[in-house]
């Protein structure tokens, strides 16, 4: 029997090299919570609009030298095809206009003056992401311990 977790683990993340016309999602590939969420995005991306890079991949520093490791560790980044950079809650807000599965959230995310609330909520989750993704087998090494 396959569980939802099993299905999520089977999802392959296309790279920018494989999908050069896609928006690039830069995420923390050492974080099990982040990786699970990004795999959901990949499953929902039926049109191939997204490509994915772990912030730990040297390709990120080569392509986007203006983004520091400290910035990337705080929140997800999306660089669209035109080179515009979205991060954190604004990146998620952007995705509500790109992925059909998230369209229903767009009206909520775009309520006037709600941006600060969404950004605050995102920061709260981002700060606790290593704890949220921690399971008995979540950390391959001591990565999770570094962030507690």
N, C-alpha and C. Protein backbone atom coordinates (compact mmCIF):
# COMPACT_ATOMS: atom_id res chain seq x y z
N UNK A 1 0.84 -1.19 0.00
CA UNK A 1 0.00 0.00 0.00
C UNK A 1 0.89 1.25 0.00
N UNK A 2 0.59 2.20 -0.86
CA UNK A 2 1.36 3.44 -0.97
C UNK A 2 0.67 4.53 -0.17
N UNK A 3 1.42 5.22 0.67
CA UNK A 3 0.86 6.31 1.46
C UNK A 3 1.14 7.63 0.75
N UNK A 4 0.54 8.71 1.26
CA UNK A 4 0.79 10.03 0.69
C UNK A 4 2.27 10.38 0.79
N UNK A 5 2.89 9.98 1.88
CA UNK A 5 4.31 10.25 2.07
C UNK A 5 5.13 9.53 1.00
N UNK A 6 4.77 8.28 0.73
CA UNK A 6 5.48 7.52 -0.30
C UNK A 6 5.37 8.21 -1.65
N UNK A 7 4.19 8.68 -1.99
CA UNK A 7 3.99 9.37 -3.27
C UNK A 7 4.83 10.64 -3.33
N UNK A 8 4.90 11.38 -2.23
CA UNK A 8 5.69 12.60 -2.20
C UNK A 8 7.17 12.29 -2.40
N UNK A 9 7.66 11.21 -1.81
CA UNK A 9 9.07 10.85 -1.92
C UNK A 9 9.44 10.43 -3.33
N UNK A 10 8.49 9.94 -4.11
CA UNK A 10 8.75 9.48 -5.47
C UNK A 10 8.82 10.62 -6.48
N UNK A 11 8.45 11.82 -6.10
CA UNK A 11 8.41 12.95 -7.02
C UNK A 11 9.82 13.40 -7.38
N UNK A 12 10.05 13.55 -8.67
CA UNK A 12 11.33 14.03 -9.17
C UNK A 12 11.25 15.54 -9.37
N UNK A 13 12.30 16.25 -8.98
CA UNK A 13 12.32 17.71 -9.12
C UNK A 13 13.10 18.09 -10.37
N UNK A 14 12.44 18.64 -11.39
CA UNK A 14 13.17 19.05 -12.59
C UNK A 14 14.12 20.21 -12.30
N UNK A 15 15.28 20.18 -12.91
CA UNK A 15 16.29 21.22 -12.71
C UNK A 15 16.14 22.30 -13.79
N UNK A 16 16.76 23.46 -13.59
CA UNK A 16 16.74 24.49 -14.63
C UNK A 16 17.36 24.01 -15.95
N UNK A 17 18.33 23.12 -15.88
CA UNK A 17 18.93 22.58 -17.10
C UNK A 17 17.92 21.75 -17.88
N UNK A 18 17.06 21.04 -17.17
CA UNK A 18 16.03 20.21 -17.81
C UNK A 18 14.83 21.02 -18.25
N UNK A 19 14.59 22.15 -17.60
CA UNK A 19 13.43 22.98 -17.88
C UNK A 19 13.86 24.45 -17.93
N UNK A 20 14.60 24.85 -18.98
CA UNK A 20 15.22 26.18 -19.01
C UNK A 20 14.25 27.35 -19.07
N UNK A 21 13.02 27.14 -19.48
CA UNK A 21 12.06 28.24 -19.57
C UNK A 21 11.21 28.40 -18.30
N UNK A 22 11.51 27.63 -17.27
CA UNK A 22 10.71 27.63 -16.06
C UNK A 22 11.19 28.66 -15.04
N UNK A 23 10.29 29.02 -14.13
CA UNK A 23 10.66 29.80 -12.96
C UNK A 23 11.49 28.87 -12.07
N UNK A 24 12.51 29.42 -11.40
CA UNK A 24 13.39 28.60 -10.58
C UNK A 24 13.03 28.78 -9.11
N UNK A 25 12.74 27.67 -8.45
CA UNK A 25 12.44 27.65 -7.02
C UNK A 25 13.72 27.22 -6.30
N UNK A 26 14.23 28.10 -5.43
CA UNK A 26 15.43 27.80 -4.64
C UNK A 26 14.97 27.53 -3.21
N UNK A 27 15.28 26.34 -2.72
CA UNK A 27 14.78 25.90 -1.42
C UNK A 27 15.90 25.24 -0.63
N UNK A 28 15.66 25.00 0.64
CA UNK A 28 16.64 24.34 1.51
C UNK A 28 16.52 22.83 1.34
N UNK A 29 17.40 22.27 0.53
CA UNK A 29 17.38 20.85 0.25
C UNK A 29 17.81 19.97 1.40
N UNK A 30 18.34 20.57 2.49
CA UNK A 30 18.70 19.79 3.68
C UNK A 30 17.54 19.72 4.67
N UNK A 31 16.48 20.47 4.41
CA UNK A 31 15.32 20.53 5.29
C UNK A 31 14.26 19.57 4.76
N UNK A 32 13.90 18.59 5.56
CA UNK A 32 12.91 17.59 5.14
C UNK A 32 11.53 18.23 4.93
N UNK A 33 11.16 19.19 5.77
CA UNK A 33 9.88 19.88 5.62
C UNK A 33 9.86 20.65 4.30
N UNK A 34 10.93 21.40 4.03
CA UNK A 34 11.01 22.19 2.79
C UNK A 34 10.96 21.28 1.56
N UNK A 35 11.72 20.21 1.61
CA UNK A 35 11.78 19.28 0.48
C UNK A 35 10.41 18.67 0.22
N UNK A 36 9.69 18.31 1.26
CA UNK A 36 8.35 17.74 1.09
C UNK A 36 7.41 18.75 0.44
N UNK A 37 7.50 20.02 0.86
CA UNK A 37 6.62 21.05 0.30
C UNK A 37 6.95 21.30 -1.18
N UNK A 38 8.23 21.31 -1.50
CA UNK A 38 8.66 21.54 -2.88
C UNK A 38 8.22 20.36 -3.76
N UNK A 39 8.27 19.17 -3.22
CA UNK A 39 7.81 18.01 -4.00
C UNK A 39 6.31 18.10 -4.26
N UNK A 40 5.56 18.67 -3.33
CA UNK A 40 4.14 18.92 -3.59
C UNK A 40 3.98 19.89 -4.76
N UNK A 41 4.77 20.95 -4.75
CA UNK A 41 4.71 21.92 -5.85
C UNK A 41 5.02 21.24 -7.18
N UNK A 42 6.02 20.39 -7.19
CA UNK A 42 6.39 19.68 -8.42
C UNK A 42 5.25 18.78 -8.90
N UNK A 43 4.58 18.12 -7.96
CA UNK A 43 3.44 17.27 -8.34
C UNK A 43 2.31 18.10 -8.92
N UNK A 44 2.09 19.28 -8.36
CA UNK A 44 0.99 20.14 -8.80
C UNK A 44 1.31 20.89 -10.09
N UNK A 45 2.55 20.96 -10.47
CA UNK A 45 2.99 21.72 -11.64
C UNK A 45 2.82 20.88 -12.91
N UNK A 46 1.60 20.75 -13.36
CA UNK A 46 1.30 19.93 -14.53
C UNK A 46 1.80 20.56 -15.84
N UNK A 47 2.01 21.86 -15.84
CA UNK A 47 2.42 22.58 -17.06
C UNK A 47 3.93 22.75 -17.17
N UNK A 48 4.69 22.28 -16.22
CA UNK A 48 6.15 22.41 -16.28
C UNK A 48 6.62 23.84 -16.15
N UNK A 49 5.98 24.61 -15.29
CA UNK A 49 6.34 26.02 -15.11
C UNK A 49 7.45 26.23 -14.09
N UNK A 50 7.82 25.17 -13.36
CA UNK A 50 8.80 25.31 -12.29
C UNK A 50 10.00 24.38 -12.47
N UNK A 51 11.16 24.89 -12.06
CA UNK A 51 12.38 24.09 -11.96
C UNK A 51 12.90 24.32 -10.54
N UNK A 52 13.70 23.40 -10.03
CA UNK A 52 14.07 23.44 -8.62
C UNK A 52 15.58 23.32 -8.42
N UNK A 53 16.08 24.09 -7.45
CA UNK A 53 17.48 24.01 -7.04
C UNK A 53 17.55 24.08 -5.52
N UNK A 54 18.32 23.18 -4.92
CA UNK A 54 18.59 23.30 -3.50
C UNK A 54 19.56 24.46 -3.31
N UNK A 55 19.37 25.24 -2.27
CA UNK A 55 20.27 26.38 -2.02
C UNK A 55 21.69 25.90 -1.77
N UNK A 56 21.88 24.62 -1.49
CA UNK A 56 23.20 24.06 -1.23
C UNK A 56 23.91 23.64 -2.52
N UNK A 57 23.20 23.69 -3.63
CA UNK A 57 23.78 23.33 -4.94
C UNK A 57 24.68 24.48 -5.40
N UNK A 58 25.92 24.21 -5.79
CA UNK A 58 26.83 25.27 -6.26
C UNK A 58 26.26 26.07 -7.44
N UNK A 59 25.33 25.50 -8.16
CA UNK A 59 24.69 26.18 -9.29
C UNK A 59 23.98 27.46 -8.83
N UNK A 60 23.47 27.47 -7.62
CA UNK A 60 22.76 28.65 -7.10
C UNK A 60 23.72 29.83 -6.99
N UNK A 61 24.89 29.61 -6.39
CA UNK A 61 25.88 30.69 -6.24
C UNK A 61 26.38 31.15 -7.60
N UNK A 62 26.51 30.24 -8.55
CA UNK A 62 26.97 30.60 -9.88
C UNK A 62 25.93 31.45 -10.62
N UNK A 63 24.68 31.03 -10.57
CA UNK A 63 23.60 31.73 -11.29
C UNK A 63 23.14 33.01 -10.60
N UNK A 64 23.13 32.98 -9.26
CA UNK A 64 22.56 34.10 -8.50
C UNK A 64 23.52 34.58 -7.42
N UNK A 65 24.66 35.16 -7.82
CA UNK A 65 25.66 35.58 -6.83
C UNK A 65 25.17 36.68 -5.89
N UNK A 66 24.12 37.39 -6.28
CA UNK A 66 23.58 38.45 -5.44
C UNK A 66 22.81 37.93 -4.23
N UNK A 67 22.45 36.65 -4.24
CA UNK A 67 21.73 36.05 -3.12
C UNK A 67 22.73 35.39 -2.17
N UNK A 68 22.71 35.81 -0.93
CA UNK A 68 23.66 35.25 0.04
C UNK A 68 23.10 33.97 0.65
N UNK A 69 23.99 33.18 1.19
CA UNK A 69 23.61 31.94 1.87
C UNK A 69 22.65 32.26 3.03
N UNK A 70 22.93 33.33 3.77
CA UNK A 70 22.08 33.72 4.90
C UNK A 70 20.67 34.05 4.43
N UNK A 71 20.54 34.77 3.32
CA UNK A 71 19.22 35.09 2.78
C UNK A 71 18.48 33.81 2.40
N UNK A 72 19.17 32.95 1.70
CA UNK A 72 18.55 31.72 1.19
C UNK A 72 18.14 30.78 2.32
N UNK A 73 18.86 30.80 3.43
CA UNK A 73 18.51 29.94 4.57
C UNK A 73 17.27 30.44 5.31
N UNK A 74 16.89 31.68 5.10
CA UNK A 74 15.74 32.23 5.81
C UNK A 74 14.41 31.94 5.11
N UNK A 75 14.42 31.81 3.79
CA UNK A 75 13.16 31.66 3.08
C UNK A 75 13.38 31.14 1.67
N UNK A 76 12.32 30.61 1.10
CA UNK A 76 12.35 30.13 -0.27
C UNK A 76 12.45 31.33 -1.21
N UNK A 77 13.10 31.12 -2.35
CA UNK A 77 13.19 32.16 -3.38
C UNK A 77 12.68 31.59 -4.69
N UNK A 78 12.02 32.44 -5.46
CA UNK A 78 11.62 32.08 -6.81
C UNK A 78 12.12 33.18 -7.73
N UNK A 79 12.83 32.77 -8.76
CA UNK A 79 13.31 33.70 -9.78
C UNK A 79 12.50 33.37 -11.03
N UNK A 80 11.69 34.34 -11.48
CA UNK A 80 10.87 34.03 -12.66
C UNK A 80 11.69 34.20 -13.94
N UNK A 81 11.07 33.87 -15.06
CA UNK A 81 11.78 33.88 -16.34
C UNK A 81 12.31 35.26 -16.72
N UNK A 82 11.66 36.30 -16.22
CA UNK A 82 12.11 37.67 -16.51
C UNK A 82 13.20 38.13 -15.54
N UNK A 83 13.54 37.29 -14.57
CA UNK A 83 14.59 37.62 -13.61
C UNK A 83 14.09 38.28 -12.34
N UNK A 84 12.77 38.44 -12.20
CA UNK A 84 12.23 39.02 -10.97
C UNK A 84 12.33 38.01 -9.84
N UNK A 85 12.71 38.49 -8.66
CA UNK A 85 12.93 37.63 -7.50
C UNK A 85 11.78 37.81 -6.49
N UNK A 86 11.18 36.69 -6.10
CA UNK A 86 10.15 36.66 -5.06
C UNK A 86 10.71 35.81 -3.92
N UNK A 87 10.39 36.15 -2.69
CA UNK A 87 10.88 35.34 -1.57
C UNK A 87 9.84 35.26 -0.47
N UNK A 88 9.96 34.18 0.31
CA UNK A 88 9.07 33.98 1.45
C UNK A 88 7.61 33.93 1.06
N UNK A 89 6.79 34.65 1.81
CA UNK A 89 5.35 34.68 1.57
C UNK A 89 5.04 35.24 0.19
N UNK A 90 5.86 36.17 -0.28
CA UNK A 90 5.62 36.74 -1.62
C UNK A 90 5.87 35.70 -2.71
N UNK A 91 6.78 34.77 -2.46
CA UNK A 91 7.01 33.67 -3.40
C UNK A 91 5.78 32.77 -3.44
N UNK A 92 5.24 32.45 -2.27
CA UNK A 92 4.03 31.63 -2.23
C UNK A 92 2.87 32.36 -2.91
N UNK A 93 2.77 33.64 -2.63
CA UNK A 93 1.72 34.45 -3.26
C UNK A 93 1.85 34.39 -4.79
N UNK A 94 3.06 34.49 -5.29
CA UNK A 94 3.31 34.39 -6.73
C UNK A 94 2.85 33.04 -7.26
N UNK A 95 3.13 31.98 -6.51
CA UNK A 95 2.74 30.64 -6.96
C UNK A 95 1.23 30.47 -7.06
N UNK A 96 0.46 31.23 -6.28
CA UNK A 96 -1.00 31.12 -6.36
C UNK A 96 -1.53 31.61 -7.71
N UNK A 97 -0.70 32.32 -8.44
CA UNK A 97 -1.10 32.77 -9.78
C UNK A 97 -0.49 31.90 -10.88
N UNK A 98 0.39 30.97 -10.51
CA UNK A 98 1.09 30.14 -11.49
C UNK A 98 0.61 28.69 -11.54
N UNK A 99 0.19 28.16 -10.40
CA UNK A 99 -0.20 26.76 -10.33
C UNK A 99 -1.71 26.63 -10.13
N UNK A 100 -2.35 25.94 -11.02
CA UNK A 100 -3.80 25.78 -10.98
C UNK A 100 -4.28 25.28 -9.61
N UNK A 101 -3.54 24.37 -9.02
CA UNK A 101 -3.92 23.78 -7.73
C UNK A 101 -4.00 24.84 -6.63
N UNK A 102 -3.28 25.95 -6.79
CA UNK A 102 -3.26 27.01 -5.77
C UNK A 102 -4.11 28.23 -6.12
N UNK A 103 -4.78 28.21 -7.27
CA UNK A 103 -5.57 29.37 -7.69
C UNK A 103 -6.58 29.79 -6.62
N UNK A 104 -7.18 28.84 -5.95
CA UNK A 104 -8.22 29.17 -4.98
C UNK A 104 -7.69 30.04 -3.83
N UNK A 105 -6.38 29.99 -3.59
CA UNK A 105 -5.77 30.80 -2.52
C UNK A 105 -5.45 32.23 -2.97
N UNK A 106 -5.41 32.47 -4.25
CA UNK A 106 -5.01 33.78 -4.77
C UNK A 106 -5.84 34.92 -4.19
N UNK A 107 -7.18 34.82 -4.14
CA UNK A 107 -7.94 35.94 -3.57
C UNK A 107 -7.57 36.24 -2.11
N UNK A 108 -7.29 35.20 -1.33
CA UNK A 108 -6.88 35.41 0.07
C UNK A 108 -5.51 36.07 0.16
N UNK A 109 -4.59 35.58 -0.64
CA UNK A 109 -3.22 36.09 -0.60
C UNK A 109 -3.11 37.52 -1.13
N UNK A 110 -4.09 37.94 -1.91
CA UNK A 110 -4.04 39.28 -2.52
C UNK A 110 -5.01 40.27 -1.89
N UNK A 111 -5.53 39.95 -0.71
CA UNK A 111 -6.38 40.92 0.00
C UNK A 111 -5.52 42.15 0.30
N UNK A 112 -6.02 43.33 -0.04
CA UNK A 112 -5.23 44.54 0.22
C UNK A 112 -4.77 44.63 1.69
N UNK A 113 -3.54 45.02 1.87
CA UNK A 113 -2.92 45.25 3.18
C UNK A 113 -2.70 43.97 4.00
N UNK A 114 -2.88 42.79 3.39
CA UNK A 114 -2.68 41.54 4.14
C UNK A 114 -1.24 41.03 4.04
N UNK A 115 -0.43 41.62 3.19
CA UNK A 115 0.94 41.17 3.00
C UNK A 115 1.75 41.03 4.29
N UNK A 116 1.73 42.04 5.17
CA UNK A 116 2.50 41.90 6.42
C UNK A 116 2.08 40.69 7.26
N UNK A 117 0.80 40.38 7.28
CA UNK A 117 0.32 39.22 8.03
C UNK A 117 0.84 37.92 7.42
N UNK A 118 0.78 37.80 6.09
CA UNK A 118 1.29 36.60 5.42
C UNK A 118 2.79 36.46 5.62
N UNK A 119 3.53 37.57 5.55
CA UNK A 119 4.98 37.52 5.75
C UNK A 119 5.33 37.10 7.17
N UNK A 120 4.59 37.61 8.15
CA UNK A 120 4.82 37.22 9.54
C UNK A 120 4.56 35.72 9.70
N UNK A 121 3.45 35.24 9.19
CA UNK A 121 3.13 33.81 9.28
C UNK A 121 4.19 32.94 8.61
N UNK A 122 4.64 33.37 7.46
CA UNK A 122 5.68 32.62 6.76
C UNK A 122 6.96 32.55 7.60
N UNK A 123 7.36 33.68 8.17
CA UNK A 123 8.58 33.72 9.00
C UNK A 123 8.47 32.77 10.20
N UNK A 124 7.27 32.67 10.78
CA UNK A 124 7.08 31.77 11.92
C UNK A 124 7.28 30.31 11.52
N UNK A 125 6.76 29.94 10.38
CA UNK A 125 6.95 28.57 9.88
C UNK A 125 8.40 28.35 9.49
N UNK A 126 8.99 29.30 8.78
CA UNK A 126 10.38 29.16 8.31
C UNK A 126 11.34 28.98 9.49
N UNK A 127 11.12 29.70 10.57
CA UNK A 127 12.00 29.59 11.74
C UNK A 127 11.93 28.21 12.38
N UNK A 128 10.80 27.54 12.23
CA UNK A 128 10.58 26.25 12.88
C UNK A 128 10.61 25.07 11.91
N UNK A 129 11.05 25.30 10.69
CA UNK A 129 10.95 24.27 9.66
C UNK A 129 11.74 23.01 9.96
N UNK A 130 12.87 23.14 10.62
CA UNK A 130 13.65 21.93 10.94
C UNK A 130 12.94 21.10 12.01
N UNK A 131 12.25 21.75 12.92
CA UNK A 131 11.48 21.01 13.93
C UNK A 131 10.26 20.36 13.28
N UNK A 132 9.63 21.05 12.34
CA UNK A 132 8.42 20.54 11.70
C UNK A 132 8.72 19.33 10.82
N UNK A 133 9.90 19.30 10.23
CA UNK A 133 10.26 18.20 9.35
C UNK A 133 10.96 17.07 10.06
N UNK A 134 11.18 17.23 11.36
CA UNK A 134 11.96 16.22 12.10
C UNK A 134 11.11 15.00 12.40
N UNK A 135 11.59 13.87 11.98
CA UNK A 135 11.00 12.58 12.33
C UNK A 135 12.18 11.69 12.73
N UNK A 136 11.90 10.48 13.08
CA UNK A 136 12.98 9.58 13.52
C UNK A 136 14.07 9.46 12.47
N UNK A 137 13.71 9.48 11.19
CA UNK A 137 14.70 9.34 10.12
C UNK A 137 14.87 10.61 9.29
N UNK A 138 14.45 11.75 9.83
CA UNK A 138 14.44 12.98 9.05
C UNK A 138 15.82 13.49 8.68
N UNK A 139 16.76 13.38 9.58
CA UNK A 139 18.07 13.97 9.34
C UNK A 139 19.09 12.89 8.99
N UNK A 140 19.73 13.08 7.85
CA UNK A 140 20.76 12.14 7.42
C UNK A 140 22.02 12.29 8.26
N UNK A 141 22.25 13.48 8.77
CA UNK A 141 23.41 13.73 9.63
C UNK A 141 22.92 14.59 10.78
N UNK A 142 23.73 15.52 11.27
CA UNK A 142 23.29 16.35 12.38
C UNK A 142 22.71 17.68 11.92
N UNK A 143 22.25 17.77 10.68
CA UNK A 143 21.70 19.01 10.13
C UNK A 143 20.61 19.60 11.01
N UNK A 144 19.67 18.77 11.43
CA UNK A 144 18.56 19.27 12.26
C UNK A 144 19.07 19.84 13.58
N UNK A 145 20.04 19.18 14.20
CA UNK A 145 20.56 19.63 15.48
C UNK A 145 21.14 21.05 15.39
N UNK A 146 21.73 21.39 14.28
CA UNK A 146 22.33 22.71 14.10
C UNK A 146 21.28 23.81 14.23
N UNK A 147 20.05 23.53 13.86
CA UNK A 147 19.02 24.55 13.81
C UNK A 147 18.07 24.56 15.01
N UNK A 148 18.27 23.67 15.99
CA UNK A 148 17.40 23.67 17.16
C UNK A 148 17.92 24.60 18.22
